[in-house]
């Protein structure tokens, strides 16, 4: 019983985390000292936050992805598109 509770709590915490590269994630990273960033955080920030409109879930990101053929989408692209652009 204890294992089930711990597993459920862990899943709830993970489900509430902000997706790396999203607009919310970019805002959180801007407030965090850069000395606390990992190298993957820096790469994700540079790729998605420095150029306006390229953050995951932004209007231009949704438009760009919708113009891309579905066969070229990754599973992450499809999940993010559904999460930010459809709903």
Protein backbone atom coordinates (compact mmCIF):
# COMPACT_ATOMS: atom_id res chain seq x y z
CA UNK A 1 0.00 0.00 0.00
CA UNK A 2 2.83 2.36 0.85
CA UNK A 3 4.49 1.72 -2.52
CA UNK A 4 1.28 2.60 -4.35
CA UNK A 5 0.98 5.90 -2.47
CA UNK A 6 4.60 6.82 -3.18
CA UNK A 7 4.19 5.93 -6.86
CA UNK A 8 1.01 8.01 -7.17
CA UNK A 9 2.61 10.98 -5.44
CA UNK A 10 5.63 10.78 -7.72
CA UNK A 11 3.46 10.62 -10.84
CA UNK A 12 1.44 13.63 -9.71
CA UNK A 13 4.59 15.68 -9.14
CA UNK A 14 6.03 14.72 -12.52
CA UNK A 15 2.76 15.45 -14.32
CA UNK A 16 2.73 19.00 -12.94
CA UNK A 17 6.23 19.84 -14.10
CA UNK A 18 6.69 22.42 -16.81
CA UNK A 19 7.83 21.12 -20.19
CA UNK A 20 11.37 22.20 -21.10
CA UNK A 21 11.28 24.78 -23.86
CA UNK A 22 7.75 26.01 -23.13
CA UNK A 23 7.04 29.67 -22.44
CA UNK A 24 6.52 28.95 -18.72
CA UNK A 25 9.81 27.05 -18.56
CA UNK A 26 11.62 29.96 -20.21
CA UNK A 27 10.19 32.36 -17.63
CA UNK A 28 11.25 30.08 -14.78
CA UNK A 29 14.77 29.78 -16.18
CA UNK A 30 15.08 33.56 -16.57
CA UNK A 31 14.35 33.92 -12.85
CA UNK A 32 16.80 31.17 -11.86
CA UNK A 33 20.51 32.00 -11.48
CA UNK A 34 22.45 30.74 -14.49
CA UNK A 35 24.95 29.04 -12.19
CA UNK A 36 22.19 26.54 -11.32
CA UNK A 37 21.48 25.61 -14.94
CA UNK A 38 22.62 22.29 -16.37
CA UNK A 39 24.23 22.16 -19.79
CA UNK A 40 21.03 20.72 -21.27
CA UNK A 41 19.07 23.61 -19.71
CA UNK A 42 21.39 26.09 -21.45
CA UNK A 43 20.99 24.33 -24.80
CA UNK A 44 17.20 24.13 -24.45
CA UNK A 45 17.04 27.78 -23.39
CA UNK A 46 19.15 28.90 -26.34
CA UNK A 47 17.11 26.84 -28.79
CA UNK A 48 13.64 27.78 -27.54
CA UNK A 49 13.79 31.00 -25.53
CA UNK A 50 16.28 33.38 -27.15
CA UNK A 51 14.47 33.77 -30.44
CA UNK A 52 10.98 35.18 -29.87
CA UNK A 53 8.15 32.90 -30.89
CA UNK A 54 10.11 29.66 -30.96
CA UNK A 55 9.19 28.52 -27.44
CA UNK A 56 7.18 25.34 -27.37
CA UNK A 57 3.50 26.26 -27.32
CA UNK A 58 3.90 29.78 -28.70
CA UNK A 59 1.59 30.81 -31.53
CA UNK A 60 4.36 30.81 -34.12
CA UNK A 61 5.59 27.41 -32.91
CA UNK A 62 2.07 25.99 -33.31
CA UNK A 63 1.74 27.49 -36.80
CA UNK A 64 5.16 26.22 -37.87
CA UNK A 65 4.47 22.72 -36.61
CA UNK A 66 1.00 22.58 -38.20
CA UNK A 67 2.54 23.38 -41.58
CA UNK A 68 5.04 20.52 -41.17
CA UNK A 69 3.90 17.10 -42.55
CA UNK A 70 2.61 14.81 -39.80
CA UNK A 71 5.06 12.10 -40.83
CA UNK A 72 7.96 14.34 -39.76
CA UNK A 73 6.56 15.00 -36.27
CA UNK A 74 8.19 13.33 -33.30
CA UNK A 75 6.12 11.86 -30.49
CA UNK A 76 7.10 14.87 -28.36
CA UNK A 77 5.96 17.24 -31.12
CA UNK A 78 2.55 15.56 -31.28
CA UNK A 79 2.13 15.59 -27.50
CA UNK A 80 3.19 19.23 -27.20
CA UNK A 81 0.98 20.27 -30.12
CA UNK A 82 -2.01 18.60 -28.51
CA UNK A 83 -1.22 20.10 -25.13
CA UNK A 84 -0.56 23.69 -26.22
CA UNK A 85 -2.15 24.23 -29.60
CA UNK A 86 -5.33 22.16 -29.59
CA UNK A 87 -6.55 22.38 -26.03
